[in-house]
Amino acid sequence: MNDGSRQLRVGILGCGPISQAAHFESANKAYNAELYAICDVAHDLRDRMEQTHVPKKAFAEYEHMLSDPDVDAVIIATSDAFHVPATIKALEAGKHVLCEKPLGISVEEVTALKFAVEKSGKILQVGHMKRFDAGLQSAKVFIDNEMGEMLALKAWYCDSTHRYAVTDAVQPLMVKSAEVKKPSGNPKANLERYFMLAHGSHLLDTARYFAGEIVEVDARFRHKFGAYCWFIDVEFANGVMGHLDLTVAVRMDWHEGFQIYGENGSIVGKTYNPWLYKSSEVDIFHEATGETTRVLGADGHFYRRQLEAFSDVILKNAPMTGSSIDDGIASVRGMAAIAQSAGTGRPVKLNDVTGMV
């Protein structure tokens, strides 16, 4: 239990872009966590990050960080292909894990991971950080407490051709190294698969966060002038009608959001490029009063808020508000089903899907 001063001692595996842009800062800013250790095989990159972010310790070998008894939890911030193996090693070493999304790259590996989580008795949270957007959280509260039955959900995640002009302006200068550990294959060799893993995982988790379990998808896919576009009809277990739009990249500004129609009101949300750290603008219409409300959401640091919630689960036995192992598995199943449906032109049930995304 947390006495008010105890902080979660966090070790971060991987000193690449996602750690530099989000996780190092989050661990240093979180009220209930500390950046205790970092780990990367690239000596030049690790040394630079150690000087910049000043952890207590820095490790070249992952096993050495895991053997440190003072490390309470590990953030897995590596390439997608390493997520499951690195998570299993951490769990076996008795560490809690916050793993970047997607949880894995195949249905089989993430399903097997669930047994490792249950055997370990440790906390695993998947890094679907959009659940810590105050705008999305306000929508969830309305759905759970006032909206009544949900009729339909539409959600879209459309990356922009101008996204790098934005991220280059707002993110720290990314430090790179020729020594970094890379997967056996180039993840970007198949951009259709890469974009689904990178962005589709967010879209699916947001849809499930609002409307619940997805049982079937019916996807259409089109690739033109360098743009990858999926239109996906979704069947939810509770009967809600759903439609998802994943497009990378649109010839316009970042375009992400959702519309939800319910018995006692409706919701319209606009989400911004995450690196702006700006909460979604979510307008909630209350049928009973004829009023529309919008939460300010002044704290838009989703990654720090994600880590603080994860730490509270461990230190205070707080309820899990982030994505669980089951949420992570459902996201991977959904992406694999979308890929299969787009390839065959037929609907695919999530429970029937196997293989890689």
Protein backbone atom coordinates (compact mmCIF):
# COMPACT_ATOMS: atom_id res chain seq x y z
CA MET A 1 0.00 0.00 0.00
CA ASN A 2 1.14 3.55 -0.73
CA ASP A 3 1.73 5.69 2.37
CA GLY A 4 1.67 8.83 0.27
CA SER A 5 5.42 8.99 -0.29
CA ARG A 6 6.17 5.63 -1.89
CA GLN A 7 6.86 5.85 -5.61
CA LEU A 8 6.86 3.05 -8.13
CA ARG A 9 10.43 2.40 -9.24
CA VAL A 10 10.20 2.06 -13.01
CA GLY A 11 12.70 0.61 -15.45
CA ILE A 12 12.25 1.47 -19.13
CA LEU A 13 13.34 -1.00 -21.80
CA GLY A 14 14.24 0.80 -25.00
CA CYS A 15 15.63 4.30 -25.46
CA GLY A 16 14.10 4.91 -28.88
CA PRO A 17 11.59 7.51 -30.10
CA ILE A 18 8.56 6.53 -27.98
CA SER A 19 10.63 6.63 -24.79
CA GLN A 20 12.25 9.91 -25.76
CA ALA A 21 8.93 11.51 -26.70
CA ALA A 22 6.78 10.12 -23.89
CA HIS A 23 7.98 7.60 -21.32
CA PHE A 24 11.12 9.20 -19.89
CA GLU A 25 9.31 12.46 -19.28
CA SER A 26 6.25 10.69 -17.86
CA ALA A 27 8.33 8.74 -15.34
CA ASN A 28 10.08 11.94 -14.24
CA LYS A 29 6.84 13.94 -13.95
CA ALA A 30 4.53 11.32 -12.41
CA TYR A 31 3.59 12.04 -8.79
CA ASN A 32 3.73 8.36 -7.82
CA ALA A 33 6.53 6.94 -9.99
CA GLU A 34 10.22 7.54 -10.57
CA LEU A 35 12.53 6.85 -13.47
CA TYR A 36 14.70 4.36 -11.64
CA ALA A 37 16.41 2.64 -14.57
CA ILE A 38 16.80 2.64 -18.33
CA CYS A 39 18.04 -0.16 -20.57
CA ASP A 40 19.26 -0.34 -24.14
CA VAL A 41 21.93 -2.32 -25.98
CA ALA A 42 22.98 0.80 -27.92
CA HIS A 43 25.76 2.26 -25.75
CA ASP A 44 25.80 5.73 -27.33
CA LEU A 45 22.02 6.11 -27.14
CA ARG A 46 21.82 4.79 -23.58
CA ASP A 47 24.62 7.07 -22.39
CA ARG A 48 22.96 10.12 -23.97
CA MET A 49 19.59 9.31 -22.39
CA GLU A 50 21.23 8.68 -19.01
CA GLN A 51 22.78 12.14 -19.12
CA THR A 52 19.52 13.76 -20.22
CA HIS A 53 16.99 12.05 -17.95
CA VAL A 54 19.19 11.05 -14.99
CA PRO A 55 17.82 7.67 -13.91
CA LYS A 56 19.30 6.02 -10.83
CA LYS A 57 20.77 3.24 -12.99
CA ALA A 58 21.41 2.39 -16.64
CA PHE A 59 21.76 -1.13 -18.04
CA ALA A 60 23.07 -2.58 -21.27
CA GLU A 61 21.52 -5.99 -20.62
CA TYR A 62 17.79 -6.45 -19.99
CA GLU A 63 18.40 -9.43 -17.72
CA HIS A 64 20.58 -7.27 -15.47
CA MET A 65 17.82 -4.68 -15.09
CA LEU A 66 15.31 -7.41 -14.31
CA SER A 67 17.59 -8.89 -11.66
CA ASP A 68 17.70 -5.59 -9.77
CA PRO A 69 15.40 -6.08 -6.75
CA ASP A 70 14.66 -2.36 -6.56
CA VAL A 71 12.95 -2.30 -9.96
CA ASP A 72 9.21 -2.62 -9.29
CA ALA A 73 7.87 -2.40 -12.83
CA VAL A 74 9.04 -2.27 -16.43
CA ILE A 75 7.80 -0.21 -19.36
CA ILE A 76 8.31 -2.15 -22.60
CA ALA A 77 9.09 0.45 -25.27
CA THR A 78 10.73 -1.66 -27.97
CA SER A 79 9.80 -2.68 -31.51
CA ASP A 80 6.45 -4.49 -31.67
CA ALA A 81 8.02 -7.90 -32.36
CA PHE A 82 9.84 -7.78 -29.00
CA HIS A 83 6.80 -6.86 -26.86
CA VAL A 84 5.65 -10.34 -25.87
CA PRO A 85 9.09 -11.93 -25.24
CA ALA A 86 10.20 -8.92 -23.18
CA THR A 87 6.95 -8.91 -21.21
CA ILE A 88 7.23 -12.60 -20.38
CA LYS A 89 10.79 -12.14 -19.12
CA ALA A 90 9.68 -9.28 -16.88
CA LEU A 91 6.74 -11.22 -15.47
CA GLU A 92 8.97 -14.23 -14.77
CA ALA A 93 11.35 -11.89 -12.94
CA GLY A 94 8.48 -10.73 -10.71
CA LYS A 95 8.02 -7.30 -12.30
CA HIS A 96 4.79 -5.52 -13.17
CA VAL A 97 4.58 -4.46 -16.82
CA LEU A 98 3.27 -1.52 -18.81
CA CYS A 99 3.68 -2.67 -22.41
CA GLU A 100 3.43 -0.34 -25.38
CA LYS A 101 0.68 -1.03 -27.88
CA PRO A 102 0.14 -3.20 -29.82
CA LEU A 103 0.49 -5.94 -27.24
CA GLY A 104 1.85 -8.27 -29.91
CA ILE A 105 1.81 -9.08 -33.61
CA SER A 106 -0.03 -12.41 -33.67
CA VAL A 107 -3.13 -13.85 -32.05
CA GLU A 108 -1.24 -16.89 -30.81
CA GLU A 109 1.53 -15.02 -28.98
CA VAL A 110 -0.79 -12.64 -27.14
CA THR A 111 -3.12 -15.49 -26.19
CA ALA A 112 -0.16 -17.40 -24.74
CA LEU A 113 0.90 -14.25 -22.89
CA LYS A 114 -2.32 -14.32 -20.88
CA PHE A 115 -1.23 -17.55 -19.21
CA ALA A 116 2.10 -15.97 -18.27
CA VAL A 117 0.27 -13.00 -16.72
CA GLU A 118 -2.06 -15.24 -14.71
CA LYS A 119 0.83 -17.43 -13.55
CA SER A 120 2.89 -14.43 -12.43
CA GLY A 121 0.17 -12.72 -10.40
CA LYS A 122 1.58 -9.39 -11.60
CA ILE A 123 -0.14 -6.42 -13.22
CA LEU A 124 0.02 -6.06 -17.00
CA GLN A 125 -1.35 -2.89 -18.57
CA VAL A 126 -1.29 -2.24 -22.31
CA GLY A 127 -0.28 1.23 -23.48
CA HIS A 128 -3.52 2.35 -25.07
CA MET A 129 -2.97 5.80 -23.63
CA LYS A 130 -6.08 7.33 -25.23
CA ARG A 131 -8.09 5.92 -22.33
CA PHE A 132 -6.42 8.66 -20.27
CA ASP A 133 -7.66 11.49 -22.48
CA ALA A 134 -9.99 13.54 -20.24
CA GLY A 135 -12.36 14.11 -23.15
CA LEU A 136 -12.74 10.40 -23.84
CA GLN A 137 -13.12 9.76 -20.12
CA SER A 138 -15.98 12.28 -19.94
CA ALA A 139 -17.71 10.44 -22.78
CA LYS A 140 -17.27 7.13 -20.95
CA VAL A 141 -18.84 8.55 -17.77
CA PHE A 142 -21.85 9.79 -19.76
CA ILE A 143 -22.21 6.42 -21.52
CA ASP A 144 -22.08 4.49 -18.25
CA ASN A 145 -24.33 6.74 -16.17
CA GLU A 146 -26.74 8.77 -18.29
CA MET A 147 -26.90 7.88 -21.95
CA GLY A 148 -28.96 4.71 -21.63
CA GLU A 149 -28.85 2.24 -24.49
CA MET A 150 -26.33 2.95 -27.23
CA LEU A 151 -27.68 2.87 -30.76
CA ALA A 152 -24.59 3.35 -32.91
CA LEU A 153 -20.94 4.37 -32.90
CA LYS A 154 -18.79 5.83 -35.66
CA ALA A 155 -15.08 6.41 -35.07
CA TRP A 156 -12.23 7.48 -37.31
CA TYR A 157 -8.46 7.69 -37.09
CA CYS A 158 -6.94 9.50 -40.06
CA ASP A 159 -3.26 10.29 -39.92
CA SER A 160 -2.18 13.36 -41.87
CA THR A 161 0.38 13.86 -44.61
CA HIS A 162 1.49 16.85 -42.53
CA ARG A 163 1.95 14.94 -39.26
CA TYR A 164 5.76 15.10 -39.34
CA ALA A 165 5.74 18.87 -39.74
CA VAL A 166 3.78 18.90 -36.48
CA THR A 167 5.81 16.30 -34.60
CA ASP A 168 9.14 17.74 -35.70
CA ALA A 169 8.01 21.06 -34.24
CA VAL A 170 6.72 19.81 -30.88
CA GLN A 171 8.70 16.68 -30.02
CA PRO A 172 12.24 16.69 -28.63
CA LEU A 173 15.02 16.15 -31.17
CA MET A 174 15.17 12.37 -31.57
CA VAL A 175 18.54 10.81 -30.82
CA LYS A 176 19.34 7.80 -32.99
CA SER A 177 21.98 5.09 -32.97
CA ALA A 178 23.32 2.53 -35.41
CA GLU A 179 23.64 0.07 -32.52
CA VAL A 180 19.92 -0.34 -31.79
CA LYS A 181 18.44 -3.83 -31.67
CA LYS A 182 16.14 -4.39 -34.63
CA PRO A 183 13.67 -7.18 -35.49
CA SER A 184 14.77 -9.79 -38.03
CA GLY A 185 12.56 -8.21 -40.68
CA ASN A 186 11.88 -4.57 -41.48
CA PRO A 187 8.51 -3.69 -39.85
CA LYS A 188 7.90 -1.04 -42.52
CA ALA A 189 8.46 -3.42 -45.44
CA ASN A 190 4.70 -4.08 -45.41
CA LEU A 191 3.13 -0.69 -44.80
CA GLU A 192 -0.40 -2.07 -44.82
CA ARG A 193 0.45 -4.23 -41.83
CA TYR A 194 2.62 -1.57 -40.18
CA PHE A 195 -0.11 1.09 -40.28
CA MET A 196 -2.70 -1.32 -38.93
CA LEU A 197 -0.50 -2.21 -35.95
CA ALA A 198 0.54 1.38 -35.28
CA HIS A 199 -2.84 3.09 -35.70
CA GLY A 200 -5.52 0.42 -35.92
CA SER A 201 -4.73 -0.67 -32.36
CA HIS A 202 -5.76 2.79 -31.12
CA LEU A 203 -8.96 2.88 -33.17
CA LEU A 204 -10.10 -0.57 -32.07
CA ASP A 205 -9.38 0.04 -28.40
CA THR A 206 -11.28 3.34 -28.46
CA ALA A 207 -14.29 1.63 -30.06
CA ARG A 208 -14.22 -1.13 -27.44
CA TYR A 209 -13.73 1.39 -24.62
CA PHE A 210 -17.03 3.01 -25.56
CA ALA A 211 -19.18 0.22 -27.00
CA GLY A 212 -17.80 -3.02 -25.57
CA GLU A 213 -16.79 -6.32 -27.10
CA ILE A 214 -16.46 -6.61 -30.89
CA VAL A 215 -17.62 -9.96 -32.27
CA GLU A 216 -17.34 -9.48 -36.04
CA VAL A 217 -15.83 -7.13 -38.61
CA ASP A 218 -16.55 -6.61 -42.31
CA ALA A 219 -13.72 -4.60 -43.87
CA ARG A 220 -13.04 -2.96 -47.21
CA PHE A 221 -9.56 -1.76 -48.12
CA ARG A 222 -8.24 0.57 -50.80
CA HIS A 223 -4.69 1.72 -51.54
CA LYS A 224 -4.33 4.71 -53.82
CA PHE A 225 -1.74 7.53 -54.31
CA GLY A 226 0.18 6.37 -51.24
CA ALA A 227 -2.90 6.38 -48.98
CA TYR A 228 -4.12 3.29 -47.13
CA CYS A 229 -7.84 3.29 -46.34
CA TRP A 230 -9.95 0.80 -44.39
CA PHE A 231 -13.73 1.15 -43.96
CA ILE A 232 -14.89 -1.35 -41.38
CA ASP A 233 -18.42 -2.30 -40.36
CA VAL A 234 -18.38 -3.59 -36.80
CA GLU A 235 -20.79 -5.83 -34.91
CA PHE A 236 -20.66 -5.35 -31.16
CA ALA A 237 -21.78 -8.05 -28.74
CA ASN A 238 -24.48 -5.75 -27.32
CA GLY A 239 -26.06 -5.10 -30.71
CA VAL A 240 -24.62 -1.61 -31.24
CA MET A 241 -24.01 -0.78 -34.91
CA GLY A 242 -20.47 0.37 -35.59
CA HIS A 243 -18.39 1.84 -38.39
CA LEU A 244 -14.66 2.54 -38.26
CA ASP A 245 -12.49 4.53 -40.68
CA LEU A 246 -8.71 4.07 -40.61
CA THR A 247 -6.91 6.12 -43.25
CA VAL A 248 -3.17 6.79 -43.49
CA ALA A 249 -2.70 9.47 -44.59
CA VAL A 250 -5.38 12.02 -45.46
CA ARG A 251 -4.55 15.13 -47.44
CA MET A 252 -5.64 17.48 -44.67
CA ASP A 253 -4.99 18.08 -40.99
CA TRP A 254 -5.04 15.24 -38.48
CA HIS A 255 -8.60 13.88 -38.49
CA GLU A 256 -9.59 11.72 -35.53
CA GLY A 257 -12.80 11.49 -33.55
CA PHE A 258 -16.09 9.75 -32.93
CA GLN A 259 -19.88 10.10 -32.89
CA ILE A 260 -22.11 8.12 -30.55
CA TYR A 261 -25.90 8.06 -30.63
CA GLY A 262 -27.73 6.98 -27.49
CA GLU A 263 -31.14 6.75 -25.88
CA ASN A 264 -30.78 9.81 -23.67
CA GLY A 265 -28.22 11.84 -25.58
CA SER A 266 -25.41 11.84 -28.09
CA ILE A 267 -21.67 12.55 -28.18
CA VAL A 268 -19.39 14.14 -30.76
CA GLY A 269 -15.63 14.04 -30.19
CA LYS A 270 -12.65 15.59 -31.96
CA THR A 271 -9.21 14.22 -31.07
CA TYR A 272 -5.91 15.93 -31.85
CA ASN A 273 -2.49 14.72 -32.87
CA PRO A 274 -1.38 13.07 -29.59
CA TRP A 275 1.96 14.88 -29.49
CA LEU A 276 0.17 18.18 -28.98
CA TYR A 277 -0.88 16.82 -25.54
CA LYS A 278 -4.28 18.41 -26.02
CA SER A 279 -7.37 16.68 -24.62
CA SER A 280 -10.12 15.78 -27.07
CA GLU A 281 -12.93 18.26 -27.51
CA VAL A 282 -15.97 16.15 -26.62
CA ASP A 283 -19.45 17.66 -26.79
CA ILE A 284 -22.11 15.73 -24.88
CA PHE A 285 -25.77 16.48 -25.57
CA HIS A 286 -28.09 15.73 -22.64
CA GLU A 287 -31.60 15.03 -23.92
CA ALA A 288 -33.18 15.59 -20.47
CA THR A 289 -31.98 19.20 -20.18
CA GLY A 290 -31.34 20.17 -23.78
CA GLU A 291 -27.81 21.18 -22.79
CA THR A 292 -24.44 20.44 -24.35
CA THR A 293 -21.43 20.10 -22.04
CA ARG A 294 -17.70 19.85 -22.66
CA VAL A 295 -14.99 19.06 -20.11
CA LEU A 296 -11.99 21.40 -20.23
CA GLY A 297 -9.41 18.63 -19.90
CA ALA A 298 -6.57 20.98 -19.01
CA ASP A 299 -4.20 18.09 -18.25
CA GLY A 300 -3.59 16.47 -21.62
CA HIS A 301 -0.44 14.48 -20.80
CA PHE A 302 -1.96 11.08 -21.60
CA TYR A 303 1.29 9.15 -21.14
CA ARG A 304 1.97 10.56 -17.67
CA ARG A 305 -1.64 10.02 -16.60
CA GLN A 306 -1.41 6.45 -17.91
CA LEU A 307 1.68 5.75 -15.80
CA GLU A 308 0.12 7.32 -12.71
CA ALA A 309 -2.97 5.12 -13.05
CA PHE A 310 -0.78 2.04 -13.54
CA SER A 311 1.23 2.95 -10.45
CA ASP A 312 -1.92 3.43 -8.37
CA VAL A 313 -3.10 -0.06 -9.28
CA ILE A 314 0.14 -1.46 -7.87
CA LEU A 315 0.71 0.88 -4.93
CA LYS A 316 -2.86 1.49 -3.78
CA ASN A 317 -4.70 -1.53 -5.18
CA ALA A 318 -6.77 0.92 -7.25
CA PRO A 319 -9.07 -0.47 -9.93
CA MET A 320 -7.56 -0.92 -13.38
CA THR A 321 -8.71 1.89 -15.67
CA GLY A 322 -6.24 1.18 -18.46
CA SER A 323 -6.23 -1.64 -21.00
CA SER A 324 -5.89 -5.12 -19.51
CA ILE A 325 -4.42 -8.26 -21.04
CA ASP A 326 -7.90 -9.10 -22.37
CA ASP A 327 -8.18 -5.65 -23.98
CA GLY A 328 -4.78 -6.10 -25.59
CA ILE A 329 -5.71 -9.53 -26.93
CA ALA A 330 -9.01 -8.19 -28.29
CA SER A 331 -7.19 -5.40 -30.12
CA VAL A 332 -4.77 -7.84 -31.79
CA ARG A 333 -7.64 -10.19 -32.68
CA GLY A 334 -9.55 -7.28 -34.16
CA MET A 335 -6.64 -6.16 -36.31
CA ALA A 336 -6.03 -9.71 -37.55
CA ALA A 337 -9.74 -10.07 -38.36
CA ILE A 338 -9.77 -6.77 -40.27
CA ALA A 339 -6.75 -7.85 -42.32
CA GLN A 340 -8.38 -11.20 -43.09
CA SER A 341 -11.74 -9.64 -43.94
CA ALA A 342 -10.17 -7.03 -46.22
CA GLY A 343 -8.23 -9.77 -47.99
CA THR A 344 -11.17 -12.15 -48.51
CA GLY A 345 -14.02 -9.66 -48.92
CA ARG A 346 -16.06 -11.50 -46.29
CA PRO A 347 -17.02 -10.78 -42.67
CA VAL A 348 -14.77 -12.38 -40.05
CA LYS A 349 -15.66 -13.29 -36.47
CA LEU A 350 -12.94 -12.39 -33.98
CA ASN A 351 -13.17 -15.70 -32.15
CA ASP A 352 -12.35 -17.55 -35.40
CA VAL A 353 -9.27 -15.57 -36.37
CA THR A 354 -5.70 -16.85 -36.01
CA GLY A 355 -2.26 -15.86 -37.24
CA MET A 356 -0.42 -12.57 -37.56
CA VAL A 357 -1.92 -9.15 -38.07
